[in-house]
Protein backbone atom coordinates (compact mmCIF):
# COMPACT_ATOMS: atom_id res chain seq x y z
CA MET A 1 -35.37 -167.23 -9.43
CA ARG A 2 -32.85 -165.76 -7.01
CA ASN A 3 -34.46 -162.36 -7.26
CA ASN A 4 -37.82 -163.89 -6.37
CA ILE A 5 -36.36 -165.51 -3.26
CA PHE A 6 -34.77 -162.24 -2.15
CA LYS A 7 -37.97 -160.36 -2.91
CA ILE A 8 -40.00 -162.81 -0.81
CA LYS A 9 -37.50 -162.52 2.07
CA GLU A 10 -37.60 -158.73 1.89
CA GLU A 11 -41.40 -158.76 1.90
CA LYS A 12 -41.44 -161.06 4.92
CA ASN A 13 -38.90 -158.89 6.70
CA GLU A 14 -40.99 -155.81 5.94
CA GLU A 15 -44.12 -157.55 7.25
CA LEU A 16 -42.27 -158.58 10.42
CA ARG A 17 -41.02 -155.01 10.90
CA LYS A 18 -44.57 -153.65 10.55
CA LEU A 19 -45.88 -156.26 12.99
CA PHE A 20 -43.16 -155.35 15.46
CA VAL A 21 -44.11 -151.67 15.22
CA LEU A 22 -47.78 -152.57 15.79
CA VAL A 23 -46.95 -154.78 18.78
CA SER A 24 -44.78 -152.04 20.28
CA SER A 25 -47.57 -149.52 19.84
CA LEU A 26 -50.10 -151.87 21.44
CA GLU A 27 -47.79 -152.55 24.39
CA TYR A 28 -47.38 -148.81 24.93
CA ASN A 29 -51.17 -148.33 24.84
CA VAL A 30 -51.71 -151.19 27.31
CA ASN A 31 -49.14 -149.67 29.68
CA GLN A 32 -50.88 -146.29 29.48
CA ILE A 33 -54.25 -147.89 30.23
CA ARG A 34 -52.76 -149.78 33.20
CA LYS A 35 -51.26 -146.55 34.53
CA LYS A 36 -54.60 -144.73 34.26
CA TYR A 37 -56.38 -147.67 35.92
CA HIS A 38 -53.91 -147.59 38.82
CA GLU A 39 -54.42 -143.84 39.21
CA LEU A 40 -58.20 -144.34 39.23
CA GLU A 41 -57.91 -147.07 41.87
CA GLU A 42 -55.78 -144.76 44.00
CA ALA A 43 -58.24 -141.88 43.59
CA THR A 44 -61.12 -144.21 44.50
CA GLY A 45 -59.27 -145.19 47.67
CA TYR A 46 -58.79 -141.53 48.61
CA LYS A 47 -62.45 -140.86 47.88
CA LYS A 48 -63.52 -143.70 50.19
CA LEU A 49 -61.25 -142.41 52.96
CA LEU A 50 -62.61 -138.91 52.52
CA GLU A 51 -66.20 -140.14 52.61
CA MET A 52 -65.45 -142.13 55.76
CA THR A 53 -63.88 -139.04 57.37
CA ILE A 54 -66.84 -136.86 56.40
CA ASN A 55 -69.28 -139.43 57.78
CA MET A 56 -67.40 -139.69 61.07
CA LEU A 57 -67.21 -135.93 61.40
CA SER A 58 -70.91 -135.51 60.66
CA VAL A 59 -71.91 -138.24 63.12
CA PHE A 60 -69.55 -137.35 65.95
CA GLY A 61 -68.71 -133.73 65.16
CA ASN A 62 -70.92 -132.13 67.81
CA GLU A 63 -70.31 -134.71 70.53
CA ASP A 64 -67.55 -135.08 73.06
CA PHE A 65 -65.22 -137.90 72.04
CA ASP A 66 -64.33 -138.77 75.64
CA CYS A 67 -67.85 -140.08 76.32
CA HIS A 68 -67.50 -142.96 73.89
CA GLY A 69 -65.11 -145.81 74.71
CA ASP A 70 -65.11 -147.37 71.23
CA LEU A 71 -64.73 -143.99 69.61
CA LYS A 72 -61.22 -143.58 70.96
CA THR A 73 -60.03 -146.51 68.89
CA ASP A 74 -62.00 -145.23 65.88
CA GLN A 75 -60.46 -141.80 66.37
CA LEU A 76 -57.02 -143.40 66.60
CA LYS A 77 -57.67 -145.30 63.35
CA MET A 78 -58.82 -142.08 61.68
CA ASN A 79 -55.71 -140.24 62.89
CA ILE A 80 -53.55 -143.01 61.44
CA LEU A 81 -55.39 -142.79 58.09
CA ILE A 82 -55.03 -139.01 58.02
CA LYS A 83 -51.31 -139.26 58.80
CA LYS A 84 -50.88 -141.80 56.00
CA LEU A 85 -52.62 -139.48 53.56
CA LYS A 86 -50.55 -136.50 54.66
CA HIS A 87 -47.34 -138.51 54.46
CA LYS A 88 -48.21 -139.84 51.01
CA HIS A 89 -48.81 -136.34 49.67
CA GLN A 90 -45.85 -134.70 51.43
CA ALA A 91 -43.25 -137.43 50.92
CA PRO A 92 -42.44 -136.65 47.27
CA TYR A 93 -41.87 -133.01 48.17
CA GLY A 94 -39.97 -133.63 51.39
CA GLU A 95 -36.78 -134.91 49.79
CA ARG A 96 -36.98 -132.36 47.01
CA ALA A 97 -37.54 -129.54 49.52
CA GLY A 98 -34.30 -130.48 51.28
CA GLU A 99 -32.43 -130.36 47.98
CA ILE A 100 -33.92 -126.99 47.08
CA PHE A 101 -33.13 -125.58 50.51
CA SER A 102 -29.52 -126.76 50.36
CA GLN A 103 -29.05 -125.32 46.86
CA HIS A 104 -30.62 -121.92 47.46
CA SER A 105 -29.94 -121.28 51.11
CA SER A 106 -27.42 -118.64 52.10
CA TYR A 107 -27.00 -120.41 55.44
CA LYS A 108 -23.58 -121.96 55.84
CA ALA A 109 -23.10 -124.43 58.62
CA ARG A 110 -20.54 -123.37 61.19
CA PRO A 111 -17.74 -125.80 61.88
CA ARG A 112 -18.35 -127.79 65.01
CA VAL A 113 -15.79 -127.75 67.75
CA THR A 114 -15.59 -130.78 69.98
CA LEU A 115 -13.94 -130.63 73.35
CA CYS A 116 -12.09 -133.60 74.72
């Protein structure tokens, strides 16, 4: 009788362990899918910005921008979008570039002398 109770408990514990492993695996898969979805959304956003830039360049590429009053604000908006894109792509490397430069540079800063 006692052995049966322990056997049943062990079987339930084993089933719970297997379920936990399955749930963990499913959570990992869901996280991977969410990550890919986020990357696709980001790529879609870049694609839309690129298409908008290409359209603006094709429409206004051969014309003088100073002749169009509304175009100055559109050009300003486009410049802001381009700067955001550049910053987003350069930002991860900017901090790392400073670290690399400081580690591998033979330049030693001279002590500063301050006069009273």
